[in-house]
Amino acid sequence: MRKISEGAEAVIYAARMLGRNVIVKERVAKGYRIKELDEQLRRQRTKTEAKIQSTLYEKGVRVPGVILVGKYFVVMERVQGKTLNRMAGVGKAHDRRSMGMAMAEAGRVLGTIHRLGVSHGDFTTANIMQDRSGRLWVIDFGLAAFTNSEEEMALDVLLMKRSVDSGMYERFIKSYKLGFGGKASAVLGRLGEIEKRGRYQTRTLDSA
């Protein structure tokens, strides 16, 4: 296996399995936590991430398919492409058009994910990939949860709003409403409340 990235939560490896390119995401131990609590959290989060990803995959959402789940790791198919944050800063007209189309699709996808009762937890341009065929994939469900909470869903929208400029956000939010349907208005209403409070909430990696 070849390490390709490392964060506070997990180490990501590229590997080959049964002739396929795969990603291995391994949750790392946290030495500052009580060992029993650390193991419980890592097991639960690994299980939840794999279950959410598999559920969305079965519902037709373009996410990497889960191949194998271990105690603290998930093996999934590898998506070849580039993340949208690598497109967001470009200035050429044709690149702006491509980014606009991608943002519209991202909005529809997030609306669908929310309609299926899932919040992503870190829905930014860094966690949306465009493959070589131009299709979008949502990655990194490490902070995702099964939920109907309007607050959690509003935070997904807010994260994206803070990731792009106003023009791109308009494309995104228009499609989000179409993807989610009638319930989108309640989420956007909650988003307005969060912004008025001046409070930006995120789940921390080490919250119980």
C-alpha atoms as a PDB file:
ATOM      1  CA  MET A   1       0.000   0.000   0.000  1.00  0.00           C
ATOM      2  CA  ARG A   2       1.054   3.579  -0.623  1.00  0.00           C
ATOM      3  CA  LYS A   3       0.125   6.371   1.772  1.00  0.00           C
ATOM      4  CA  ILE A   4      -1.443   9.277  -0.117  1.00  0.00           C
ATOM      5  CA  SER A   5      -2.758  11.463   2.708  1.00  0.00           C
ATOM      6  CA  GLU A   6      -3.006  11.722   6.464  1.00  0.00           C
ATOM      7  CA  GLY A   7      -5.398  13.749   8.572  1.00  0.00           C
ATOM      8  CA  ALA A   8      -6.404  14.059  12.196  1.00  0.00           C
ATOM      9  CA  GLU A   9      -8.932  11.244  11.834  1.00  0.00           C
ATOM     10  CA  ALA A  10      -7.467   8.739   9.398  1.00  0.00           C
ATOM     11  CA  VAL A  11      -4.667   7.703   7.104  1.00  0.00           C
ATOM     12  CA  ILE A  12      -5.516   7.115   3.441  1.00  0.00           C
ATOM     13  CA  TYR A  13      -3.683   4.531   1.345  1.00  0.00           C
ATOM     14  CA  ALA A  14      -3.849   3.639  -2.339  1.00  0.00           C
ATOM     15  CA  ALA A  15      -3.666  -0.079  -3.053  1.00  0.00           C
ATOM     16  CA  ARG A  16      -4.620  -2.868  -5.442  1.00  0.00           C
ATOM     17  CA  MET A  17      -7.110  -5.559  -4.519  1.00  0.00           C
ATOM     18  CA  LEU A  18      -8.240  -8.339  -6.841  1.00  0.00           C
ATOM     19  CA  GLY A  19      -6.998  -6.364  -9.823  1.00  0.00           C
ATOM     20  CA  ARG A  20      -8.812  -3.185  -8.816  1.00  0.00           C
ATOM     21  CA  ASN A  21      -7.531   0.195  -7.675  1.00  0.00           C
ATOM     22  CA  VAL A  22      -8.808   0.817  -4.166  1.00  0.00           C
ATOM     23  CA  ILE A  23      -8.558   3.262  -1.289  1.00  0.00           C
ATOM     24  CA  VAL A  24      -7.954   2.040   2.246  1.00  0.00           C
ATOM     25  CA  LYS A  25      -9.089   4.453   4.943  1.00  0.00           C
ATOM     26  CA  GLU A  26      -7.739   3.519   8.363  1.00  0.00           C
ATOM     27  CA  ARG A  27      -8.816   5.349  11.501  1.00  0.00           C
ATOM     28  CA  VAL A  28      -5.823   6.015  13.694  1.00  0.00           C
ATOM     29  CA  ALA A  29      -5.656   5.624  17.463  1.00  0.00           C
ATOM     30  CA  LYS A  30      -5.662   8.763  19.581  1.00  0.00           C
ATOM     31  CA  GLY A  31      -3.185   8.452  22.423  1.00  0.00           C
ATOM     32  CA  TYR A  32      -4.801  11.200  24.504  1.00  0.00           C
ATOM     33  CA  ARG A  33      -8.106   9.315  24.766  1.00  0.00           C
ATOM     34  CA  ILE A  34      -8.882   6.490  27.153  1.00  0.00           C
ATOM     35  CA  LYS A  35      -8.068   3.337  25.220  1.00  0.00           C
ATOM     36  CA  GLU A  36     -11.500   1.717  25.600  1.00  0.00           C
ATOM     37  CA  LEU A  37     -13.279   4.918  24.535  1.00  0.00           C
ATOM     38  CA  ASP A  38     -10.903   5.388  21.615  1.00  0.00           C
ATOM     39  CA  GLU A  39     -11.523   1.877  20.339  1.00  0.00           C
ATOM     40  CA  GLN A  40     -15.284   2.241  20.722  1.00  0.00           C
ATOM     41  CA  LEU A  41     -15.357   5.546  18.833  1.00  0.00           C
ATOM     42  CA  ARG A  42     -13.144   4.277  16.022  1.00  0.00           C
ATOM     43  CA  ARG A  43     -15.220   1.107  15.603  1.00  0.00           C
ATOM     44  CA  GLN A  44     -18.513   3.008  15.623  1.00  0.00           C
ATOM     45  CA  ARG A  45     -17.380   5.701  13.209  1.00  0.00           C
ATOM     46  CA  THR A  46     -15.904   3.142  10.832  1.00  0.00           C
ATOM     47  CA  LYS A  47     -19.146   1.158  10.882  1.00  0.00           C
ATOM     48  CA  THR A  48     -21.316   4.249  10.424  1.00  0.00           C
ATOM     49  CA  GLU A  49     -19.241   5.616   7.567  1.00  0.00           C
ATOM     50  CA  ALA A  50     -19.359   2.315   5.688  1.00  0.00           C
ATOM     51  CA  LYS A  51     -23.107   1.913   6.275  1.00  0.00           C
ATOM     52  CA  ILE A  52     -23.933   5.428   5.087  1.00  0.00           C
ATOM     53  CA  GLN A  53     -21.749   5.109   2.020  1.00  0.00           C
ATOM     54  CA  SER A  54     -23.253   1.722   1.133  1.00  0.00           C
ATOM     55  CA  THR A  55     -26.793   3.036   1.632  1.00  0.00           C
ATOM     56  CA  LEU A  56     -26.232   6.000  -0.659  1.00  0.00           C
ATOM     57  CA  TYR A  57     -24.511   3.801  -3.245  1.00  0.00           C
ATOM     58  CA  GLU A  58     -27.507   1.458  -3.289  1.00  0.00           C
ATOM     59  CA  LYS A  59     -29.820   4.452  -3.742  1.00  0.00           C
ATOM     60  CA  GLY A  60     -27.906   5.544  -6.832  1.00  0.00           C
ATOM     61  CA  VAL A  61     -25.853   8.369  -5.347  1.00  0.00           C
ATOM     62  CA  ARG A  62     -22.405   8.450  -6.917  1.00  0.00           C
ATOM     63  CA  VAL A  63     -20.124   7.594  -3.993  1.00  0.00           C
ATOM     64  CA  PRO A  64     -17.200   5.146  -3.898  1.00  0.00           C
ATOM     65  CA  GLY A  65     -18.489   1.617  -3.448  1.00  0.00           C
ATOM     66  CA  VAL A  66     -17.505  -0.114  -0.216  1.00  0.00           C
ATOM     67  CA  ILE A  67     -15.585  -3.334  -0.814  1.00  0.00           C
ATOM     68  CA  LEU A  68     -14.514  -4.442   2.657  1.00  0.00           C
ATOM     69  CA  VAL A  69     -15.038  -3.201   6.210  1.00  0.00           C
ATOM     70  CA  GLY A  70     -12.662  -4.044   9.060  1.00  0.00           C
ATOM     71  CA  LYS A  71     -12.563  -3.086  12.690  1.00  0.00           C
ATOM     72  CA  TYR A  72     -10.972   0.287  12.055  1.00  0.00           C
ATOM     73  CA  PHE A  73     -10.702   0.482   8.266  1.00  0.00           C
ATOM     74  CA  VAL A  74     -12.810   0.686   5.112  1.00  0.00           C
ATOM     75  CA  VAL A  75     -11.685  -0.479   1.684  1.00  0.00           C
ATOM     76  CA  MET A  76     -13.507   1.289  -1.147  1.00  0.00           C
ATOM     77  CA  GLU A  77     -13.176   1.765  -4.855  1.00  0.00           C
ATOM     78  CA  ARG A  78     -10.819   4.501  -5.956  1.00  0.00           C
ATOM     79  CA  VAL A  79     -12.208   7.391  -7.996  1.00  0.00           C
ATOM     80  CA  GLN A  80      -9.739   8.853 -10.475  1.00  0.00           C
ATOM     81  CA  GLY A  81     -10.228  12.569 -10.974  1.00  0.00           C
ATOM     82  CA  LYS A  82      -9.804  15.949  -9.322  1.00  0.00           C
ATOM     83  CA  THR A  83     -11.638  17.676  -6.523  1.00  0.00           C
ATOM     84  CA  LEU A  84     -13.722  20.777  -7.206  1.00  0.00           C
ATOM     85  CA  ASN A  85     -11.559  22.968  -4.989  1.00  0.00           C
ATOM     86  CA  ARG A  86      -8.877  22.592  -7.659  1.00  0.00           C
ATOM     87  CA  MET A  87     -11.330  24.074 -10.176  1.00  0.00           C
ATOM     88  CA  ALA A  88     -12.763  26.818  -7.980  1.00  0.00           C
ATOM     89  CA  GLY A  89      -9.957  29.322  -8.413  1.00  0.00           C
ATOM     90  CA  VAL A  90      -9.689  29.213 -12.195  1.00  0.00           C
ATOM     91  CA  GLY A  91     -10.536  32.333 -14.161  1.00  0.00           C
ATOM     92  CA  LYS A  92     -10.985  31.334 -17.792  1.00  0.00           C
ATOM     93  CA  ALA A  93     -14.512  31.616 -19.119  1.00  0.00           C
ATOM     94  CA  HIS A  94     -14.789  27.970 -20.176  1.00  0.00           C
ATOM     95  CA  ASP A  95     -13.454  26.850 -16.785  1.00  0.00           C
ATOM     96  CA  ARG A  96     -16.020  29.030 -15.021  1.00  0.00           C
ATOM     97  CA  ARG A  97     -18.748  27.423 -17.106  1.00  0.00           C
ATOM     98  CA  SER A  98     -17.496  23.963 -16.203  1.00  0.00           C
ATOM     99  CA  MET A  99     -17.350  24.881 -12.541  1.00  0.00           C
ATOM    100  CA  GLY A 100     -20.857  26.329 -12.679  1.00  0.00           C
ATOM    101  CA  MET A 101     -22.219  23.123 -14.165  1.00  0.00           C
ATOM    102  CA  ALA A 102     -20.400  21.109 -11.521  1.00  0.00           C
ATOM    103  CA  MET A 103     -21.816  23.265  -8.726  1.00  0.00           C
ATOM    104  CA  ALA A 104     -25.327  22.837 -10.061  1.00  0.00           C
ATOM    105  CA  GLU A 105     -24.860  19.075 -10.032  1.00  0.00           C
ATOM    106  CA  ALA A 106     -23.349  19.218  -6.528  1.00  0.00           C
ATOM    107  CA  GLY A 107     -26.443  21.029  -5.278  1.00  0.00           C
ATOM    108  CA  ARG A 108     -28.740  18.389  -6.716  1.00  0.00           C
ATOM    109  CA  VAL A 109     -26.643  15.627  -5.164  1.00  0.00           C
ATOM    110  CA  LEU A 110     -26.649  17.215  -1.704  1.00  0.00           C
ATOM    111  CA  GLY A 111     -30.404  17.660  -1.949  1.00  0.00           C
ATOM    112  CA  THR A 112     -30.734  13.969  -2.736  1.00  0.00           C
ATOM    113  CA  ILE A 113     -28.447  12.984   0.153  1.00  0.00           C
ATOM    114  CA  HIS A 114     -30.527  15.083   2.555  1.00  0.00           C
ATOM    115  CA  ARG A 115     -33.765  13.651   1.183  1.00  0.00           C
ATOM    116  CA  LEU A 116     -32.386  10.200   2.033  1.00  0.00           C
ATOM    117  CA  GLY A 117     -31.869  11.262   5.656  1.00  0.00           C
ATOM    118  CA  VAL A 118     -28.107  11.771   5.695  1.00  0.00           C
ATOM    119  CA  SER A 119     -25.939  14.764   6.550  1.00  0.00           C
ATOM    120  CA  HIS A 120     -22.421  14.725   5.113  1.00  0.00           C
ATOM    121  CA  GLY A 121     -20.706  16.760   7.826  1.00  0.00           C
ATOM    122  CA  ASP A 122     -17.979  18.222   5.595  1.00  0.00           C
ATOM    123  CA  PHE A 123     -19.653  19.073   2.300  1.00  0.00           C
ATOM    124  CA  THR A 124     -17.071  21.321   0.638  1.00  0.00           C
ATOM    125  CA  THR A 125     -15.490  21.468  -2.799  1.00  0.00           C
ATOM    126  CA  ALA A 126     -12.583  19.443  -1.382  1.00  0.00           C
ATOM    127  CA  ASN A 127     -14.898  16.443  -0.929  1.00  0.00           C
ATOM    128  CA  ILE A 128     -16.491  16.440  -4.366  1.00  0.00           C
ATOM    129  CA  MET A 129     -14.565  14.854  -7.211  1.00  0.00           C
ATOM    130  CA  GLN A 130     -15.030  15.109 -10.952  1.00  0.00           C
ATOM    131  CA  ASP A 131     -13.864  12.005 -12.774  1.00  0.00           C
ATOM    132  CA  ARG A 132     -12.346  11.859 -16.237  1.00  0.00           C
ATOM    133  CA  SER A 133     -15.805  11.540 -17.782  1.00  0.00           C
ATOM    134  CA  GLY A 134     -17.020  14.709 -16.041  1.00  0.00           C
ATOM    135  CA  ARG A 135     -19.201  12.864 -13.508  1.00  0.00           C
ATOM    136  CA  LEU A 136     -19.308  14.037  -9.898  1.00  0.00           C
ATOM    137  CA  TRP A 137     -18.584  11.827  -6.903  1.00  0.00           C
ATOM    138  CA  VAL A 138     -19.019  12.683  -3.232  1.00  0.00           C
ATOM    139  CA  ILE A 139     -16.213  11.417  -0.994  1.00  0.00           C
ATOM    140  CA  ASP A 140     -15.174  11.341   2.677  1.00  0.00           C
ATOM    141  CA  PHE A 141     -18.166  10.419   4.811  1.00  0.00           C
ATOM    142  CA  GLY A 142     -16.093  10.319   7.998  1.00  0.00           C
ATOM    143  CA  LEU A 143     -18.320  12.923   9.717  1.00  0.00           C
ATOM    144  CA  ALA A 144     -21.591  11.824   8.115  1.00  0.00           C
ATOM    145  CA  ALA A 145     -24.670  10.797  10.080  1.00  0.00           C
ATOM    146  CA  PHE A 146     -28.125   9.410   9.549  1.00  0.00           C
ATOM    147  CA  THR A 147     -30.320  12.322  10.595  1.00  0.00           C
ATOM    148  CA  ASN A 148     -33.392  14.387   9.831  1.00  0.00           C
ATOM    149  CA  SER A 149     -31.969  17.394  11.684  1.00  0.00           C
ATOM    150  CA  GLU A 150     -32.521  20.605   9.756  1.00  0.00           C
ATOM    151  CA  GLU A 151     -29.601  22.111  11.680  1.00  0.00           C
ATOM    152  CA  GLU A 152     -27.146  19.439  10.514  1.00  0.00           C
ATOM    153  CA  MET A 153     -28.352  19.734   6.930  1.00  0.00           C
ATOM    154  CA  ALA A 154     -28.157  23.533   7.064  1.00  0.00           C
ATOM    155  CA  LEU A 155     -24.541  23.237   8.176  1.00  0.00           C
ATOM    156  CA  ASP A 156     -23.787  21.159   5.065  1.00  0.00           C
ATOM    157  CA  VAL A 157     -25.193  23.984   2.947  1.00  0.00           C
ATOM    158  CA  LEU A 158     -23.305  26.620   4.943  1.00  0.00           C
ATOM    159  CA  LEU A 159     -20.004  24.805   4.451  1.00  0.00           C
ATOM    160  CA  MET A 160     -20.496  24.897   0.701  1.00  0.00           C
ATOM    161  CA  LYS A 161     -21.612  28.522   0.802  1.00  0.00           C
ATOM    162  CA  ARG A 162     -18.314  29.392   2.462  1.00  0.00           C
ATOM    163  CA  SER A 163     -16.345  27.338  -0.069  1.00  0.00           C
ATOM    164  CA  VAL A 164     -17.368  29.184  -3.244  1.00  0.00           C
ATOM    165  CA  ASP A 165     -18.206  32.650  -4.529  1.00  0.00           C
ATOM    166  CA  SER A 166     -21.740  34.004  -4.660  1.00  0.00           C
ATOM    167  CA  GLY A 167     -22.284  33.159  -8.319  1.00  0.00           C
ATOM    168  CA  MET A 168     -21.341  29.533  -7.818  1.00  0.00           C
ATOM    169  CA  TYR A 169     -23.421  29.325  -4.664  1.00  0.00           C
ATOM    170  CA  GLU A 170     -26.483  30.547  -6.540  1.00  0.00           C
ATOM    171  CA  ARG A 171     -26.072  27.712  -9.033  1.00  0.00           C
ATOM    172  CA  PHE A 172     -25.604  25.281  -6.184  1.00  0.00           C
ATOM    173  CA  ILE A 173     -28.585  26.350  -4.088  1.00  0.00           C
ATOM    174  CA  LYS A 174     -31.014  26.444  -7.015  1.00  0.00           C
ATOM    175  CA  SER A 175     -30.272  22.802  -7.771  1.00  0.00           C
ATOM    176  CA  TYR A 176     -30.263  21.885  -4.093  1.00  0.00           C
ATOM    177  CA  LYS A 177     -33.889  22.960  -3.869  1.00  0.00           C
ATOM    178  CA  LEU A 178     -34.755  20.779  -6.844  1.00  0.00           C
ATOM    179  CA  GLY A 179     -32.899  17.793  -5.397  1.00  0.00           C
ATOM    180  CA  PHE A 180     -34.423  18.033  -1.917  1.00  0.00           C
ATOM    181  CA  GLY A 181     -37.900  19.167  -2.867  1.00  0.00           C
ATOM    182  CA  GLY A 182     -40.335  20.866  -0.490  1.00  0.00           C
ATOM    183  CA  LYS A 183     -38.263  20.232   2.641  1.00  0.00           C
ATOM    184  CA  ALA A 184     -35.446  22.422   1.343  1.00  0.00           C
ATOM    185  CA  SER A 185     -37.206  25.579   2.513  1.00  0.00           C
ATOM    186  CA  ALA A 186     -37.067  24.454   6.154  1.00  0.00           C
ATOM    187  CA  VAL A 187     -33.334  23.737   5.890  1.00  0.00           C
ATOM    188  CA  LEU A 188     -32.640  27.092   4.250  1.00  0.00           C
ATOM    189  CA  GLY A 189     -34.724  28.789   6.920  1.00  0.00           C
ATOM    190  CA  ARG A 190     -32.531  27.176   9.549  1.00  0.00           C
ATOM    191  CA  LEU A 191     -29.453  28.282   7.609  1.00  0.00           C
ATOM    192  CA  GLY A 192     -30.662  31.861   7.871  1.00  0.00           C
ATOM    193  CA  GLU A 193     -31.100  31.461  11.632  1.00  0.00           C
ATOM    194  CA  ILE A 194     -27.567  30.101  12.013  1.00  0.00           C
ATOM    195  CA  GLU A 195     -26.112  33.025  10.070  1.00  0.00           C
ATOM    196  CA  LYS A 196     -28.110  35.538  12.102  1.00  0.00           C
ATOM    197  CA  ARG A 197     -26.815  34.005  15.300  1.00  0.00           C
ATOM    198  CA  GLY A 198     -23.309  34.420  13.952  1.00  0.00           C
ATOM    199  CA  ARG A 199     -22.615  30.872  15.056  1.00  0.00           C
ATOM    200  CA  TYR A 200     -20.793  28.398  12.870  1.00  0.00           C
ATOM    201  CA  GLN A 201     -21.080  24.887  14.207  1.00  0.00           C
ATOM    202  CA  THR A 202     -19.140  21.823  13.170  1.00  0.00           C
ATOM    203  CA  ARG A 203     -18.885  18.378  14.652  1.00  0.00           C
ATOM    204  CA  THR A 204     -15.425  17.881  16.071  1.00  0.00           C
ATOM    205  CA  LEU A 205     -13.561  14.678  15.467  1.00  0.00           C
ATOM    206  CA  ASP A 206     -13.355  13.963  19.155  1.00  0.00           C
ATOM    207  CA  SER A 207     -16.863  14.828  20.319  1.00  0.00           C
ATOM    208  CA  ALA A 208     -18.627  11.979  22.060  1.00  0.00           C
END
